[in-house]
Amino acid sequence: MSSRHIASILLCLSLAIPAFAQGADSNNLEIYNGCGMEGDARSPGVRALNRLKNRYVAPQEIDPAITLAAMLESGRDTGRWKVKQGAEIVGYVFDVKVGGIESTNCHARASAQRDTHIELVLDPMAGSPTLRVIVEVTPRWREIMAARGMDWSTRALRDRLLGRWVKVRGWMLFDVEHQNQSENTAPGRERNWRATAWEIHPITSIEVVQRPAR
């Protein structure tokens, strides 16, 4: 995808980068592990996207209309929400794994310096990848939680969360880099591995909860 295409999509989604609120959750994390908020991306569109992925202040307001069921609703969902919105959703943890080597983390290879991907589903028996929503822990939030005595490493999260119901809170993000692998924006593609390009990214809190009543 061209940088011009990414930039135009970001503009359509109103991806204005908000100023960080006072009272940050940690020390200044504009630079973390030698990597700035924009990572090592070259195109303006991806640099803007990376700044959103690397936010290190928790959202102050949560939109109650955003639920896992709403995120899984079919239909082209490019403009369904805004990246300035905070969300809190409940889902079953289908998988927890180390994310890819990406520009957002300056192509770091160590798992501790890469995102953690958590795949959420509404039904534990839902096997299709196109029924999953991706939520992500970032290295900056791993550092914030470590300072609070909590281990958010991928291994620890997998041990604690896999196969359980969780409540996840954080920032909404439309990851345009994955819209061609998402069922809602590229319906019917054989290699789709997610329902939507919308994510909660970064996650700012995780809580194990009871299975919701039907």
Protein backbone atom coordinates (compact mmCIF):
# COMPACT_ATOMS: atom_id res chain seq x y z
CA MET A 1 0.00 0.00 0.00
CA SER A 2 1.38 3.41 -0.92
CA SER A 3 2.12 6.03 1.71
CA ARG A 4 -0.31 8.37 -0.06
CA HIS A 5 -3.10 5.79 0.25
CA ILE A 6 -2.39 5.25 3.93
CA ALA A 7 -2.28 8.98 4.58
CA SER A 8 -5.63 9.52 2.86
CA ILE A 9 -7.27 6.77 4.90
CA LEU A 10 -5.88 8.24 8.10
CA LEU A 11 -7.30 11.62 7.15
CA CYS A 12 -10.71 10.11 6.45
CA LEU A 13 -10.66 8.46 9.87
CA SER A 14 -9.88 11.81 11.51
CA LEU A 15 -6.57 10.54 12.79
CA ALA A 16 -5.58 13.84 14.33
CA ILE A 17 -2.95 12.99 16.92
CA PRO A 18 -4.19 14.25 20.28
CA ALA A 19 -1.88 16.07 22.65
CA PHE A 20 -0.93 13.87 25.57
CA ALA A 21 -2.85 14.76 28.70
CA GLN A 22 -1.09 15.95 31.80
CA GLY A 23 -0.64 13.36 34.50
CA ALA A 24 0.99 10.72 32.32
CA ASP A 25 0.96 7.14 33.56
CA SER A 26 4.76 6.92 33.64
CA ASN A 27 7.85 8.97 33.04
CA ASN A 28 8.20 10.51 29.63
CA LEU A 29 8.13 7.65 27.14
CA GLU A 30 8.46 9.62 23.93
CA ILE A 31 11.67 7.65 23.43
CA TYR A 32 11.64 4.04 24.60
CA ASN A 33 14.44 1.54 24.02
CA GLY A 34 15.94 4.07 21.63
CA CYS A 35 12.76 4.14 19.54
CA GLY A 36 10.63 7.27 19.13
CA MET A 37 6.86 7.48 18.95
CA GLU A 38 6.91 7.25 15.17
CA GLY A 39 9.16 4.19 15.14
CA ASP A 40 11.43 3.97 12.12
CA ALA A 41 8.69 4.46 9.52
CA ARG A 42 9.46 6.68 6.55
CA SER A 43 6.04 7.57 5.16
CA PRO A 44 3.98 10.29 6.88
CA GLY A 45 0.94 8.03 7.05
CA VAL A 46 2.70 5.19 8.84
CA ARG A 47 4.51 7.61 11.15
CA ALA A 48 1.13 9.03 12.18
CA LEU A 49 -0.26 5.53 12.69
CA ASN A 50 2.73 4.56 14.84
CA ARG A 51 2.23 7.58 17.10
CA LEU A 52 -1.27 6.30 17.80
CA LYS A 53 -0.06 2.77 18.47
CA ASN A 54 2.57 4.06 20.90
CA ARG A 55 0.28 6.22 23.05
CA TYR A 56 1.27 5.86 26.71
CA VAL A 57 -1.51 7.80 28.46
CA ALA A 58 -4.78 6.00 29.22
CA PRO A 59 -8.05 7.30 27.73
CA GLN A 60 -10.09 9.40 30.12
CA GLU A 61 -13.47 8.55 28.61
CA ILE A 62 -14.88 5.19 27.51
CA ASP A 63 -17.55 4.87 24.82
CA PRO A 64 -20.10 2.31 26.14
CA ALA A 65 -21.39 1.68 22.61
CA ILE A 66 -18.15 -0.09 21.70
CA THR A 67 -18.42 -3.78 22.60
CA LEU A 68 -16.83 -6.90 21.20
CA ALA A 69 -20.14 -7.77 19.51
CA ALA A 70 -20.25 -4.31 17.91
CA MET A 71 -16.67 -4.67 16.67
CA LEU A 72 -17.55 -8.04 15.14
CA GLU A 73 -20.57 -6.73 13.25
CA SER A 74 -20.23 -7.36 9.53
CA GLY A 75 -20.06 -4.63 6.92
CA ARG A 76 -17.38 -2.22 5.79
CA ASP A 77 -16.48 -0.53 9.04
CA THR A 78 -13.74 1.94 8.08
CA GLY A 79 -15.51 4.92 9.65
CA ARG A 80 -17.47 3.10 12.34
CA TRP A 81 -15.49 4.63 15.22
CA LYS A 82 -12.74 7.17 15.81
CA VAL A 83 -9.22 6.65 17.08
CA LYS A 84 -9.76 9.33 19.75
CA GLN A 85 -12.25 7.03 21.48
CA GLY A 86 -11.50 4.88 24.49
CA ALA A 87 -13.17 1.47 24.74
CA GLU A 88 -13.69 -1.38 27.18
CA ILE A 89 -14.73 -4.79 25.87
CA VAL A 90 -15.21 -8.29 27.29
CA GLY A 91 -14.19 -11.39 25.37
CA TYR A 92 -12.76 -14.90 25.53
CA VAL A 93 -9.02 -15.15 24.93
CA PHE A 94 -8.51 -17.45 21.96
CA ASP A 95 -4.78 -16.82 21.65
CA VAL A 96 -1.88 -14.73 22.99
CA LYS A 97 1.31 -14.41 20.98
CA VAL A 98 4.26 -12.19 20.14
CA GLY A 99 3.49 -9.63 17.45
CA GLY A 100 5.46 -9.15 14.28
CA ILE A 101 8.65 -7.21 13.61
CA GLU A 102 7.23 -3.79 12.77
CA SER A 103 8.20 -0.20 12.16
CA THR A 104 6.23 0.91 15.22
CA ASN A 105 8.91 -0.69 17.42
CA CYS A 106 11.82 0.19 15.11
CA HIS A 107 11.90 -3.41 13.85
CA ALA A 108 13.06 -4.75 17.22
CA ARG A 109 13.48 -8.52 17.21
CA ALA A 110 13.43 -9.32 20.94
CA SER A 111 9.95 -10.36 22.09
CA ALA A 112 10.08 -7.93 25.02
CA GLN A 113 10.38 -5.04 22.55
CA ARG A 114 7.52 -6.20 20.32
CA ASP A 115 3.77 -5.94 20.76
CA THR A 116 1.71 -8.75 22.26
CA HIS A 117 -1.29 -9.81 20.17
CA ILE A 118 -4.35 -11.03 22.07
CA GLU A 119 -7.16 -12.54 20.01
CA LEU A 120 -10.65 -12.15 21.47
CA VAL A 121 -13.83 -14.01 20.46
CA LEU A 122 -17.44 -13.97 21.64
CA ASP A 123 -17.74 -17.76 21.64
CA PRO A 124 -14.98 -20.12 22.83
CA MET A 125 -16.04 -22.54 20.08
CA ALA A 126 -15.58 -19.96 17.32
CA GLY A 127 -12.80 -21.43 15.22
CA SER A 128 -12.75 -19.15 12.22
CA PRO A 129 -10.06 -16.43 12.24
CA THR A 130 -12.63 -14.04 10.75
CA LEU A 131 -14.51 -14.09 14.07
CA ARG A 132 -11.60 -12.65 16.06
CA VAL A 133 -10.74 -9.13 17.21
CA ILE A 134 -7.11 -8.22 17.88
CA VAL A 135 -6.13 -6.19 20.94
CA GLU A 136 -2.50 -5.31 21.67
CA VAL A 137 -0.11 -4.68 24.53
CA THR A 138 2.80 -2.42 23.55
CA PRO A 139 6.33 -2.26 25.00
CA ARG A 140 5.63 1.14 26.55
CA TRP A 141 2.63 -0.19 28.47
CA ARG A 142 4.62 -3.28 29.43
CA GLU A 143 7.15 -0.89 30.99
CA ILE A 144 4.43 1.13 32.74
CA MET A 145 2.94 -2.03 34.24
CA ALA A 146 6.35 -3.37 35.28
CA ALA A 147 6.82 -0.17 37.31
CA ARG A 148 3.54 -1.05 39.06
CA GLY A 149 4.72 -4.57 39.82
CA MET A 150 2.74 -6.31 37.06
CA ASP A 151 4.24 -8.63 34.46
CA TRP A 152 2.80 -7.92 31.03
CA SER A 153 5.33 -9.98 29.11
CA THR A 154 3.81 -12.11 26.36
CA ARG A 155 4.62 -15.32 28.26
CA ALA A 156 3.05 -14.07 31.50
CA LEU A 157 -0.06 -12.82 29.71
CA ARG A 158 -0.43 -16.11 27.86
CA ASP A 159 -0.09 -18.10 31.08
CA ARG A 160 -2.62 -15.90 32.87
CA LEU A 161 -5.18 -15.15 30.16
CA LEU A 162 -5.33 -17.95 27.59
CA GLY A 163 -8.70 -19.67 27.68
CA ARG A 164 -10.24 -17.15 30.06
CA TRP A 165 -12.70 -14.28 29.84
CA VAL A 166 -11.18 -10.83 30.17
CA LYS A 167 -12.17 -7.18 30.26
CA VAL A 168 -9.80 -5.07 28.18
CA ARG A 169 -9.61 -1.28 28.14
CA GLY A 170 -7.62 1.05 25.91
CA TRP A 171 -7.58 3.15 22.74
CA MET A 172 -9.49 2.41 19.56
CA LEU A 173 -7.24 2.11 16.51
CA PHE A 174 -7.96 1.32 12.87
CA ASP A 175 -4.86 -0.47 11.63
CA VAL A 176 -4.91 0.38 7.94
CA GLU A 177 -1.91 -1.89 7.40
CA HIS A 178 -4.20 -4.89 8.03
CA GLN A 179 -7.41 -3.81 6.34
CA ASN A 180 -6.71 -6.13 3.40
CA GLN A 181 -6.52 -9.07 5.83
CA SER A 182 -9.78 -8.25 7.64
CA GLU A 183 -13.16 -9.74 6.74
CA ASN A 184 -15.07 -6.48 7.07
CA THR A 185 -12.89 -4.53 4.64
CA ALA A 186 -11.75 -7.40 2.39
CA PRO A 187 -14.67 -9.85 2.56
CA GLY A 188 -14.10 -13.39 1.39
CA ARG A 189 -10.33 -13.28 1.07
CA GLU A 190 -8.90 -16.72 1.73
CA ARG A 191 -6.08 -15.46 3.96
CA ASN A 192 -8.14 -13.15 6.17
CA TRP A 193 -7.07 -13.72 9.78
CA ARG A 194 -9.26 -11.23 11.62
CA ALA A 195 -12.78 -9.83 11.60
CA THR A 196 -11.88 -6.15 11.49
CA ALA A 197 -8.95 -3.79 11.21
CA TRP A 198 -10.28 -2.02 14.32
CA GLU A 199 -8.32 -2.90 17.44
CA ILE A 200 -7.88 -1.81 21.01
CA HIS A 201 -4.28 -0.70 20.70
CA PRO A 202 -2.69 0.00 23.05
CA ILE A 203 -4.35 -1.88 25.90
CA THR A 204 -4.16 0.14 29.11
CA SER A 205 -5.78 -2.34 31.52
CA ILE A 206 -6.65 -6.06 31.55
CA GLU A 207 -8.87 -7.85 34.06
CA VAL A 208 -9.88 -11.53 34.24
CA VAL A 209 -13.68 -11.73 34.64
CA GLN A 210 -16.47 -14.26 34.81
CA ARG A 211 -18.13 -15.45 31.62
CA PRO A 212 -20.88 -12.96 30.73
CA ALA A 213 -24.45 -14.11 31.25
CA ARG A 214 -26.26 -14.80 27.99
